[in-house]
Amino acid sequence: MFNKKYKVKHYKSRIYNPIRGKIVRAVLIIVVAGALFAAGWFAYEPLMKAINNANKEIIENDPISKPEQEKKPEELPQEFMDKDTVAVTVPAEKLYDQSEYYSFLSSLDKEVTAVVIDMKTAGGEVTYKSKQVSVQNVGAAAENAVDLASYIDTARRAGFDVIARIYAFEDSTAPYNSADMAIRYESEEGMLWLDESVDNGGKPWLNPYSDTAQKYVLDIVYDAIDFGVDAILLDGMRFPEESAAMEYAYFGAGTEETSRGEILARFASRVYSAAVTSGTDILTAFDGYSVITEDVGIYGGSPLEFDADGFAPYINLNSFIGKKVTDAIDFDELPADTAELIKAVYEGLALPEDSRVMPIVYCAGLSRAQLRSAVRALGDLGAAGYIIVYDEEFFTGVPQNPEQTDESSESSSTASQPQNPVTPPSSSSSSSVPEYIPPEASSSESSSETSSEGIPGVSSGDDDGPVRWG
């Protein structure tokens, strides 16, 4: 007897060698795997393009995302930017409490013509209930999200136009819930990028290069159009500030081929196109100081190049004090009459010819006289109106002029009372908040004609003149 080294098996007149068979199978597996890898390598790019195109078709054909039926040009209402507008921002604490919201509207001076309601805040919180799938999936809605349609209707019945403010890529909420929208750290697989260290309050941002992020913001724009707002204030249309952290910001493969200014301009065009026939004007907001000093890296160039119906530069007069910005802007302290400073700032913005402008003015830190002279100067310069960033102390402060006569003091006291009172609902109402009752049109018109207030919510002497210009 002897041990065979190989098991003898007859197969097509050949001796079967088990080791050789294993080698052959291994070689075949390697060859097949290599062929599949090669096929996948060459098919990846066209396959991804096909997937992306399919996704774009889904997005473009999504019936929820689109606004309602477009109106014909002859059916369009008067454009918002053609009106003389005096607007005030609605602070968050007055937006999320319905009773506070009613009281806020009631307290506004008769010269106010519009209110600015945040639909998406600078922190990324969505303030209303959206039906958009993309918005619902992100889960950024406030816990006490409001019924925006009802809020808009209330403002309209009170005689106010409505401006919806939407912060685009300045958003520190959505990136936590949707990684593909966010700026990443160094690579696509990297952790969430923050604009500062956690200890210093670093925040994530939406990635302007991300199609998903753009779709998310655009769907909120579509919502605003569907709600029928008069104008959309597109804010936060920018990149994070330049810092050491920006060295590690990853925006995606191939994004270096498209400049920051170009990607923002493309998105602005998408927003403008969405609203161009809806009767909803688009206002692009930006920091006026940055444009005047030509420090526009966060915009990738001048935001005045973006498609829009008008521009809304933020103007904080105190930011110019103690800094020689231009030969015309060199103030050691804020003058009592801010008209010349406003004119210098306006000139420094170098706005395009025939552009429509509605500046956003900070009233905090200003006296009533300073704000009054500033907005009057804006009217003289041809602004379509202005928006005041609400400041509780400024609006509810004691009038500055202590030498008022008894008659003017009495008038001031009366003027500071709510112009549009709220009335509790009837006992049959199920609502726990008071129902907003708009004032009679005739009395509103009459009081407007005799108004002597110089700025919204603040009374002044008879020689101050109205804040609104015509």
Protein backbone atom coordinates (compact mmCIF):
# COMPACT_ATOMS: atom_id res chain seq x y z
CA MET A 1 0.00 0.00 0.00
CA PHE A 2 1.13 3.53 -0.59
CA ASN A 3 -0.32 7.02 -0.09
CA LYS A 4 -1.28 8.93 -3.20
CA LYS A 5 -0.14 12.49 -3.36
CA TYR A 6 -3.05 13.44 -5.56
CA LYS A 7 -6.52 12.05 -5.80
CA VAL A 8 -6.92 10.59 -9.26
CA LYS A 9 -10.05 11.71 -11.05
CA HIS A 10 -10.69 11.21 -14.72
CA TYR A 11 -12.09 14.35 -16.35
CA LYS A 12 -11.99 14.68 -20.09
CA SER A 13 -8.98 12.40 -20.30
CA ARG A 14 -6.98 14.58 -17.90
CA ILE A 15 -5.73 13.99 -14.40
CA TYR A 16 -7.50 16.38 -11.96
CA ASN A 17 -5.05 18.26 -9.74
CA PRO A 18 -6.97 19.90 -6.81
CA ILE A 19 -4.25 22.48 -6.11
CA ARG A 20 -4.11 23.54 -9.72
CA GLY A 21 -7.91 23.84 -9.71
CA LYS A 22 -7.83 26.18 -6.76
CA ILE A 23 -5.19 28.31 -8.45
CA VAL A 24 -7.26 28.52 -11.62
CA ARG A 25 -10.37 29.54 -9.67
CA ALA A 26 -8.41 32.19 -7.79
CA VAL A 27 -7.04 33.60 -11.02
CA LEU A 28 -10.51 33.65 -12.55
CA ILE A 29 -11.91 35.46 -9.51
CA ILE A 30 -9.14 38.06 -9.70
CA VAL A 31 -9.72 38.57 -13.42
CA VAL A 32 -13.47 38.92 -12.99
CA ALA A 33 -13.04 41.30 -10.04
CA GLY A 34 -10.58 43.36 -12.05
CA ALA A 35 -12.98 43.53 -14.95
CA LEU A 36 -15.83 44.61 -12.66
CA PHE A 37 -13.60 47.23 -11.03
CA ALA A 38 -12.56 48.57 -14.42
CA ALA A 39 -16.16 48.65 -15.60
CA GLY A 40 -17.20 50.43 -12.41
CA TRP A 41 -14.33 52.90 -12.71
CA PHE A 42 -15.27 53.92 -16.23
CA ALA A 43 -19.00 53.82 -15.55
CA TYR A 44 -18.86 55.85 -12.30
CA GLU A 45 -18.85 59.33 -13.80
CA PRO A 46 -21.67 58.78 -16.35
CA LEU A 47 -23.62 56.81 -13.73
CA MET A 48 -23.34 59.63 -11.17
CA LYS A 49 -24.29 62.15 -13.82
CA ALA A 50 -27.35 60.07 -14.64
CA ILE A 51 -28.29 59.87 -10.95
CA ASN A 52 -27.78 63.61 -10.46
CA ASN A 53 -29.85 64.38 -13.56
CA ALA A 54 -32.57 62.09 -12.28
CA ASN A 55 -32.50 63.87 -8.91
CA LYS A 56 -32.71 67.24 -10.64
CA GLU A 57 -35.73 66.05 -12.61
CA ILE A 58 -37.37 64.92 -9.38
CA ILE A 59 -36.65 68.29 -7.78
CA GLU A 60 -37.82 70.26 -10.81
CA ASN A 61 -40.98 68.18 -11.20
CA ASP A 62 -41.81 68.13 -7.50
CA PRO A 63 -45.35 69.59 -7.35
CA ILE A 64 -44.89 70.66 -3.73
CA SER A 65 -41.77 72.69 -4.40
CA LYS A 66 -43.25 74.81 -7.13
CA PRO A 67 -45.28 77.95 -6.43
CA GLU A 68 -48.86 78.23 -7.55
CA GLN A 69 -49.86 78.86 -11.16
CA GLU A 70 -47.88 81.76 -12.55
CA LYS A 71 -49.84 84.89 -13.29
CA LYS A 72 -49.85 86.60 -16.65
CA PRO A 73 -48.01 89.94 -16.73
CA GLU A 74 -51.25 91.89 -17.15
CA GLU A 75 -52.64 90.29 -13.96
CA LEU A 76 -49.72 91.23 -11.76
CA PRO A 77 -50.38 93.66 -8.87
CA GLN A 78 -48.36 96.80 -8.22
CA GLU A 79 -44.80 95.83 -7.42
CA PHE A 80 -43.92 96.19 -3.77
CA MET A 81 -40.77 98.16 -4.57
CA ASP A 82 -42.87 100.80 -6.31
CA LYS A 83 -44.51 101.73 -3.00
CA ASP A 84 -43.23 104.05 -0.28
CA THR A 85 -42.52 101.52 2.45
CA VAL A 86 -41.80 101.94 6.14
CA ALA A 87 -41.23 98.49 7.62
CA VAL A 88 -40.35 97.13 11.06
CA THR A 89 -38.95 93.69 11.88
CA VAL A 90 -41.04 91.46 14.14
CA PRO A 91 -38.82 90.22 17.01
CA ALA A 92 -38.86 86.48 17.75
CA GLU A 93 -40.39 86.85 21.20
CA LYS A 94 -43.35 88.66 19.66
CA LEU A 95 -43.67 86.25 16.75
CA TYR A 96 -43.93 82.99 18.68
CA ASP A 97 -46.56 84.30 21.09
CA GLN A 98 -49.77 85.04 19.22
CA SER A 99 -51.03 87.46 21.84
CA GLU A 100 -47.70 89.30 21.79
CA TYR A 101 -47.86 89.40 17.99
CA TYR A 102 -51.28 91.05 18.08
CA SER A 103 -50.07 93.57 20.65
CA PHE A 104 -46.99 94.30 18.56
CA LEU A 105 -49.08 95.10 15.49
CA SER A 106 -51.37 97.27 17.59
CA SER A 107 -48.45 99.26 18.98
CA LEU A 108 -46.98 100.25 15.61
CA ASP A 109 -47.26 103.85 14.57
CA LYS A 110 -49.74 104.72 11.81
CA GLU A 111 -46.84 105.56 9.47
CA VAL A 112 -45.65 101.94 9.38
CA THR A 113 -46.78 100.24 6.19
CA ALA A 114 -45.16 96.79 6.42
CA VAL A 115 -43.79 94.19 8.84
CA VAL A 116 -40.86 91.81 8.33
CA ILE A 117 -41.57 88.25 9.47
CA ASP A 118 -38.74 85.71 9.70
CA MET A 119 -39.53 82.43 7.95
CA LYS A 120 -36.01 81.09 8.50
CA THR A 121 -33.84 82.79 11.09
CA ALA A 122 -30.11 83.50 11.16
CA GLY A 123 -29.79 80.49 13.45
CA GLY A 124 -31.54 78.31 10.88
CA GLU A 125 -34.80 77.86 12.76
CA VAL A 126 -37.87 77.56 10.53
CA THR A 127 -40.60 79.57 12.24
CA TYR A 128 -43.65 78.18 10.45
CA LYS A 129 -45.23 74.84 9.52
CA SER A 130 -44.13 73.79 6.04
CA LYS A 131 -45.56 71.11 3.74
CA GLN A 132 -42.30 70.84 1.82
CA VAL A 133 -40.77 67.38 2.16
CA SER A 134 -37.25 68.80 2.19
CA VAL A 135 -38.10 71.20 5.03
CA GLN A 136 -39.86 68.51 7.04
CA ASN A 137 -36.96 66.09 6.60
CA VAL A 138 -34.45 68.59 7.97
CA GLY A 139 -36.51 68.97 11.13
CA ALA A 140 -35.49 72.58 11.80
CA ALA A 141 -39.00 73.82 12.56
CA ALA A 142 -39.46 75.65 15.86
CA GLU A 143 -41.27 73.73 18.57
CA ASN A 144 -43.92 76.44 18.62
CA ALA A 145 -43.95 77.01 14.83
CA VAL A 146 -46.66 79.49 13.86
CA ASP A 147 -49.57 79.30 11.45
CA LEU A 148 -48.00 81.74 9.02
CA ALA A 149 -51.04 82.04 6.75
CA SER A 150 -53.06 83.28 9.74
CA TYR A 151 -50.30 85.68 10.79
CA ILE A 152 -50.07 87.15 7.30
CA ASP A 153 -53.85 87.52 7.10
CA THR A 154 -53.87 89.31 10.44
CA ALA A 155 -51.19 91.75 9.29
CA ARG A 156 -53.01 92.37 6.04
CA ARG A 157 -56.32 93.08 7.78
CA ALA A 158 -54.47 95.58 9.93
CA GLY A 159 -53.28 97.33 6.77
CA PHE A 160 -49.67 96.10 6.67
CA ASP A 161 -47.78 94.61 3.75
CA VAL A 162 -45.70 91.55 4.64
CA ILE A 163 -42.01 90.99 3.92
CA ALA A 164 -40.73 87.45 4.55
CA ARG A 165 -37.10 87.29 5.63
CA ILE A 166 -35.27 84.07 4.74
CA TYR A 167 -31.67 83.48 5.79
CA ALA A 168 -30.05 81.32 3.12
CA PHE A 169 -26.70 79.73 3.96
CA GLU A 170 -26.15 81.38 7.33
CA ASP A 171 -27.71 78.47 9.21
CA SER A 172 -26.44 76.63 12.29
CA THR A 173 -29.37 74.22 12.63
CA ALA A 174 -29.88 72.30 9.38
CA PRO A 175 -26.23 71.14 9.07
CA TYR A 176 -26.62 69.06 12.23
CA ASN A 177 -29.59 67.22 10.76
CA SER A 178 -28.49 66.87 7.15
CA ALA A 179 -24.79 66.22 6.61
CA ASP A 180 -24.94 66.51 2.82
CA MET A 181 -25.99 70.16 3.18
CA ALA A 182 -23.11 71.12 5.42
CA ILE A 183 -19.59 72.37 4.99
CA ARG A 184 -17.33 69.49 6.02
CA TYR A 185 -13.95 69.38 7.74
CA GLU A 186 -11.17 68.73 5.16
CA SER A 187 -13.01 66.03 3.18
CA GLU A 188 -16.41 64.62 2.30
CA GLU A 189 -16.02 62.06 5.08
CA GLY A 190 -14.82 64.68 7.53
CA MET A 191 -16.72 65.81 10.59
CA LEU A 192 -18.97 68.85 10.63
CA TRP A 193 -16.98 72.04 10.01
CA LEU A 194 -17.38 74.90 12.50
CA ASP A 195 -16.45 78.52 11.88
CA GLU A 196 -14.74 78.68 15.28
CA SER A 197 -13.79 76.35 18.09
CA VAL A 198 -16.61 74.94 20.18
CA ASP A 199 -15.33 76.87 23.22
CA ASN A 200 -15.59 80.10 21.23
CA GLY A 201 -19.11 79.40 20.07
CA GLY A 202 -18.24 77.92 16.69
CA LYS A 203 -21.20 77.23 14.40
CA PRO A 204 -21.74 75.07 11.31
CA TRP A 205 -22.94 76.53 8.00
CA LEU A 206 -24.95 75.37 5.04
CA ASN A 207 -22.75 74.72 2.01
CA PRO A 208 -23.67 77.11 -0.86
CA TYR A 209 -22.17 74.57 -3.30
CA SER A 210 -24.55 71.83 -2.14
CA ASP A 211 -27.51 71.19 -4.45
CA THR A 212 -29.38 69.78 -1.45
CA ALA A 213 -28.79 72.94 0.58
CA GLN A 214 -29.89 75.13 -2.32
CA LYS A 215 -33.02 73.03 -2.80
CA TYR A 216 -33.82 73.34 0.91
CA VAL A 217 -33.61 77.14 0.92
CA LEU A 218 -35.42 77.40 -2.41
CA ASP A 219 -38.34 75.35 -1.07
CA ILE A 220 -38.76 77.89 1.73
CA VAL A 221 -38.78 80.60 -0.93
CA TYR A 222 -41.51 78.68 -2.75
CA ASP A 223 -43.48 78.57 0.50
CA ALA A 224 -43.18 82.34 0.85
CA ILE A 225 -44.49 82.78 -2.69
CA ASP A 226 -47.39 80.43 -2.00
CA PHE A 227 -48.24 82.39 1.15
CA GLY A 228 -48.54 85.46 -1.06
CA VAL A 229 -46.06 87.71 0.75
CA ASP A 230 -45.38 91.06 -0.86
CA ALA A 231 -41.60 90.69 -0.85
CA ILE A 232 -38.89 88.25 0.15
CA LEU A 233 -35.86 89.60 1.98
CA LEU A 234 -33.11 87.13 1.06
CA ASP A 235 -30.56 87.39 3.86
CA GLY A 236 -27.53 85.31 4.83
CA MET A 237 -26.55 84.98 1.15
CA ARG A 238 -22.89 84.61 2.00
CA PHE A 239 -19.98 82.43 3.07
CA PRO A 240 -18.49 82.39 6.59
CA GLU A 241 -15.97 85.05 7.56
CA GLU A 242 -12.37 84.40 6.61
CA SER A 243 -10.54 82.86 9.55
CA ALA A 244 -8.00 80.18 10.38
CA ALA A 245 -10.85 77.67 10.34
CA MET A 246 -11.58 78.37 6.67
CA GLU A 247 -8.34 76.59 5.75
CA TYR A 248 -10.04 73.31 6.69
CA ALA A 249 -13.45 73.98 5.12
CA TYR A 250 -14.36 71.42 2.45
CA PHE A 251 -17.09 72.42 0.00
CA GLY A 252 -17.01 69.38 -2.29
CA ALA A 253 -15.08 67.86 -5.16
CA GLY A 254 -14.57 70.22 -8.09
CA THR A 255 -15.97 73.26 -6.29
CA GLU A 256 -12.69 75.12 -6.76
CA GLU A 257 -13.62 75.42 -10.43
CA THR A 258 -16.57 77.68 -9.54
CA SER A 259 -15.92 80.87 -7.60
CA ARG A 260 -17.88 81.84 -4.51
CA GLY A 261 -19.37 84.85 -6.24
CA GLU A 262 -20.49 82.71 -9.16
CA ILE A 263 -22.21 80.06 -7.05
CA LEU A 264 -24.06 82.70 -5.01
CA ALA A 265 -25.03 84.56 -8.18
CA ARG A 266 -26.42 81.36 -9.66
CA PHE A 267 -28.51 80.73 -6.58
CA ALA A 268 -29.75 84.32 -6.54
CA SER A 269 -30.85 83.82 -10.16
CA ARG A 270 -32.78 80.68 -9.17
CA VAL A 271 -34.62 82.61 -6.46
CA TYR A 272 -35.30 85.54 -8.76
CA SER A 273 -36.60 83.23 -11.50
CA ALA A 274 -38.91 81.48 -9.04
CA ALA A 275 -40.61 84.74 -8.13
CA VAL A 276 -40.30 86.81 -11.29
CA THR A 277 -43.93 86.37 -12.44
CA SER A 278 -45.56 85.88 -9.05
CA GLY A 279 -45.83 89.52 -8.00
CA THR A 280 -43.39 88.85 -5.15
CA ASP A 281 -40.37 91.15 -5.16
CA ILE A 282 -36.94 89.84 -4.17
CA LEU A 283 -34.73 92.02 -1.98
CA THR A 284 -31.10 90.99 -1.50
CA ALA A 285 -29.73 91.93 1.92
CA PHE A 286 -26.04 92.56 2.58
CA ASP A 287 -23.76 94.39 5.00
CA GLY A 288 -23.35 97.97 3.81
CA TYR A 289 -20.10 98.50 5.69
CA SER A 290 -18.47 95.52 3.95
CA VAL A 291 -19.41 96.82 0.50
CA ILE A 292 -18.22 100.36 1.22
CA THR A 293 -14.87 99.09 2.54
CA GLU A 294 -14.70 96.56 -0.33
CA ASP A 295 -14.29 93.75 2.17
CA VAL A 296 -16.63 91.48 0.20
CA GLY A 297 -14.89 88.10 0.48
CA ILE A 298 -17.94 86.59 2.18
CA TYR A 299 -19.94 87.37 -0.96
CA GLY A 300 -17.24 86.33 -3.40
CA GLY A 301 -17.48 89.80 -4.92
CA SER A 302 -20.06 92.54 -4.89
CA PRO A 303 -23.57 91.40 -3.87
CA LEU A 304 -24.84 94.20 -6.08
CA GLU A 305 -24.20 91.79 -8.98
CA PHE A 306 -26.93 89.40 -7.78
CA ASP A 307 -30.26 89.24 -9.61
CA ALA A 308 -32.95 90.94 -7.54
CA ASP A 309 -35.77 93.47 -7.71
CA GLY A 310 -33.98 95.61 -5.16
CA PHE A 311 -31.16 95.79 -2.64
CA ALA A 312 -31.37 96.05 1.14
CA PRO A 313 -28.03 97.16 2.61
CA TYR A 314 -27.78 96.92 6.40
CA ILE A 315 -26.74 100.32 7.71
CA ASN A 316 -25.43 100.60 11.25
CA LEU A 317 -24.31 104.22 11.53
CA ASN A 318 -22.33 103.51 14.69
CA SER A 319 -20.08 101.09 12.75
CA PHE A 320 -18.62 104.05 10.84
CA ILE A 321 -17.67 106.11 13.87
CA GLY A 322 -13.97 106.52 14.54
CA LYS A 323 -13.00 104.93 11.22
CA LYS A 324 -11.94 106.81 8.12
CA VAL A 325 -13.69 104.75 5.49
CA THR A 326 -13.60 107.31 2.70
CA ASP A 327 -12.80 111.01 2.54
CA ALA A 328 -16.51 111.66 3.04
CA ILE A 329 -16.93 109.13 5.85
CA ASP A 330 -14.68 110.22 8.68
CA PHE A 331 -16.63 110.93 11.87
CA ASP A 332 -15.24 110.85 15.41
CA GLU A 333 -18.72 110.73 16.85
CA LEU A 334 -22.24 110.38 15.58
CA PRO A 335 -23.62 113.83 14.73
CA ALA A 336 -27.02 114.95 15.97
CA ASP A 337 -28.07 115.40 12.34
CA THR A 338 -27.12 112.20 10.52
CA ALA A 339 -28.24 113.35 7.07
CA GLU A 340 -24.71 114.07 5.81
CA LEU A 341 -23.41 110.77 7.13
CA ILE A 342 -26.23 108.87 5.42
CA LYS A 343 -25.51 110.66 2.16
CA ALA A 344 -21.83 109.74 2.42
CA VAL A 345 -22.70 106.12 3.19
CA TYR A 346 -25.13 106.01 0.29
CA GLU A 347 -22.51 107.38 -2.06
CA GLY A 348 -19.95 104.87 -0.75
CA LEU A 349 -22.24 101.96 -1.60
CA ALA A 350 -21.85 102.83 -5.29
CA LEU A 351 -25.29 101.44 -6.09
CA PRO A 352 -26.06 100.61 -9.74
CA GLU A 353 -27.85 103.34 -11.63
CA ASP A 354 -31.65 103.18 -11.41
CA SER A 355 -31.45 100.41 -8.80
CA ARG A 356 -34.24 100.27 -6.23
CA VAL A 357 -33.02 100.31 -2.66
CA MET A 358 -34.65 99.70 0.71
CA PRO A 359 -31.97 100.07 3.41
CA ILE A 360 -32.20 98.17 6.69
CA VAL A 361 -31.42 100.64 9.47
CA TYR A 362 -30.40 99.81 13.03
CA CYS A 363 -32.08 102.15 15.50
CA ALA A 364 -30.31 100.80 18.61
CA GLY A 365 -27.84 103.36 19.91
CA LEU A 366 -29.44 106.23 17.99
CA SER A 367 -31.49 109.07 19.32
CA ARG A 368 -34.89 109.67 17.80
CA ALA A 369 -33.63 112.83 16.11
CA GLN A 370 -30.69 110.96 14.58
CA LEU A 371 -32.91 108.25 13.13
CA ARG A 372 -35.39 110.83 11.92
CA SER A 373 -32.76 112.80 10.01
CA ALA A 374 -31.28 109.57 8.62
CA VAL A 375 -34.54 108.29 7.13
CA ARG A 376 -35.41 111.70 5.75
CA ALA A 377 -32.07 111.74 3.96
CA LEU A 378 -32.81 108.29 2.53
CA GLY A 379 -36.04 109.68 1.11
CA ASP A 380 -34.16 112.58 -0.48
CA LEU A 381 -31.72 110.09 -2.01
CA GLY A 382 -34.54 108.21 -3.72
CA ALA A 383 -34.80 105.09 -1.56
CA ALA A 384 -37.97 103.04 -2.07
CA GLY A 385 -38.43 102.99 1.69
CA TYR A 386 -36.59 101.53 4.63
CA ILE A 387 -36.73 98.77 7.20
CA ILE A 388 -36.05 99.40 10.89
CA VAL A 389 -34.54 96.62 12.97
CA TYR A 390 -36.81 96.67 16.02
CA ASP A 391 -35.18 97.56 19.31
CA GLU A 392 -37.36 97.31 22.42
CA GLU A 393 -35.61 100.07 24.37
CA PHE A 394 -35.68 102.48 21.46
CA PHE A 395 -39.35 101.95 20.64
CA THR A 396 -40.63 102.02 24.21
CA GLY A 397 -38.26 104.66 25.63
CA VAL A 398 -39.31 107.99 27.12
CA PRO A 399 -39.45 110.83 24.54
CA GLN A 400 -36.19 112.76 24.51
CA ASN A 401 -37.48 116.32 24.51
CA PRO A 402 -38.32 117.25 28.14
CA GLU A 403 -39.31 120.80 27.16
CA GLN A 404 -42.50 119.79 25.40
CA THR A 405 -45.57 121.86 26.16
CA ASP A 406 -48.39 120.29 28.08
CA GLU A 407 -50.36 120.10 24.85
CA SER A 408 -47.60 118.33 22.92
CA SER A 409 -46.95 116.03 25.87
CA GLU A 410 -50.59 115.05 25.89
CA SER A 411 -50.44 114.49 22.15
CA SER A 412 -47.30 112.40 22.62
CA SER A 413 -48.95 110.29 25.27
CA THR A 414 -51.91 109.66 23.01
CA ALA A 415 -49.75 108.85 20.01
CA SER A 416 -47.74 106.30 21.92
CA GLN A 417 -50.86 104.29 22.70
CA PRO A 418 -51.74 101.35 20.41
CA GLN A 419 -53.16 102.67 17.15
CA ASN A 420 -54.91 99.39 16.31
CA PRO A 421 -56.56 98.01 19.47
CA VAL A 422 -57.11 94.30 20.08
CA THR A 423 -60.49 93.09 21.24
CA PRO A 424 -61.04 89.89 23.24
CA PRO A 425 -62.91 87.19 21.32
CA SER A 426 -66.54 86.44 22.05
CA SER A 427 -67.39 83.74 24.55
CA SER A 428 -68.18 81.34 21.71
CA SER A 429 -64.62 81.49 20.43
CA SER A 430 -62.39 78.54 21.18
CA SER A 431 -59.23 80.58 20.93
CA SER A 432 -57.37 81.45 24.11
CA VAL A 433 -55.75 84.55 22.59
CA PRO A 434 -57.45 87.82 21.76
CA GLU A 435 -58.70 88.26 18.22
CA TYR A 436 -56.96 91.01 16.28
CA ILE A 437 -59.45 93.63 15.10
CA PRO A 438 -58.10 95.91 12.35
CA PRO A 439 -58.95 99.61 12.58
CA GLU A 440 -61.60 101.24 10.43
CA ALA A 441 -60.14 102.34 7.08
CA SER A 442 -61.65 105.82 7.31
CA SER A 443 -60.19 106.55 10.74
CA SER A 444 -56.81 105.20 9.66
CA GLU A 445 -56.72 107.45 6.63
CA SER A 446 -57.81 110.43 8.69
CA SER A 447 -55.17 109.87 11.35
CA SER A 448 -52.52 109.37 8.69
CA GLU A 449 -53.28 112.76 7.19
CA THR A 450 -52.86 114.53 10.53
CA SER A 451 -49.90 112.47 11.74
CA SER A 452 -46.93 114.37 13.11
CA GLU A 453 -44.84 111.41 14.20
CA GLY A 454 -41.26 111.49 12.99
CA ILE A 455 -40.49 107.77 13.23
CA PRO A 456 -42.60 104.65 13.70
CA GLY A 457 -43.78 104.13 17.25
CA VAL A 458 -42.17 107.33 18.50
CA SER A 459 -43.93 110.65 18.79
CA SER A 460 -42.37 114.01 18.05
CA GLY A 461 -43.13 117.70 17.62
CA ASP A 462 -45.31 119.13 14.87
CA ASP A 463 -42.29 120.44 12.98
CA ASP A 464 -40.77 117.03 12.52
CA GLY A 465 -42.90 116.03 9.55
CA PRO A 466 -43.97 112.55 8.51
CA VAL A 467 -41.47 109.72 8.21
CA ARG A 468 -42.94 108.48 4.97
CA TRP A 469 -42.20 110.28 1.76
CA GLY A 470 -44.24 110.39 -1.42
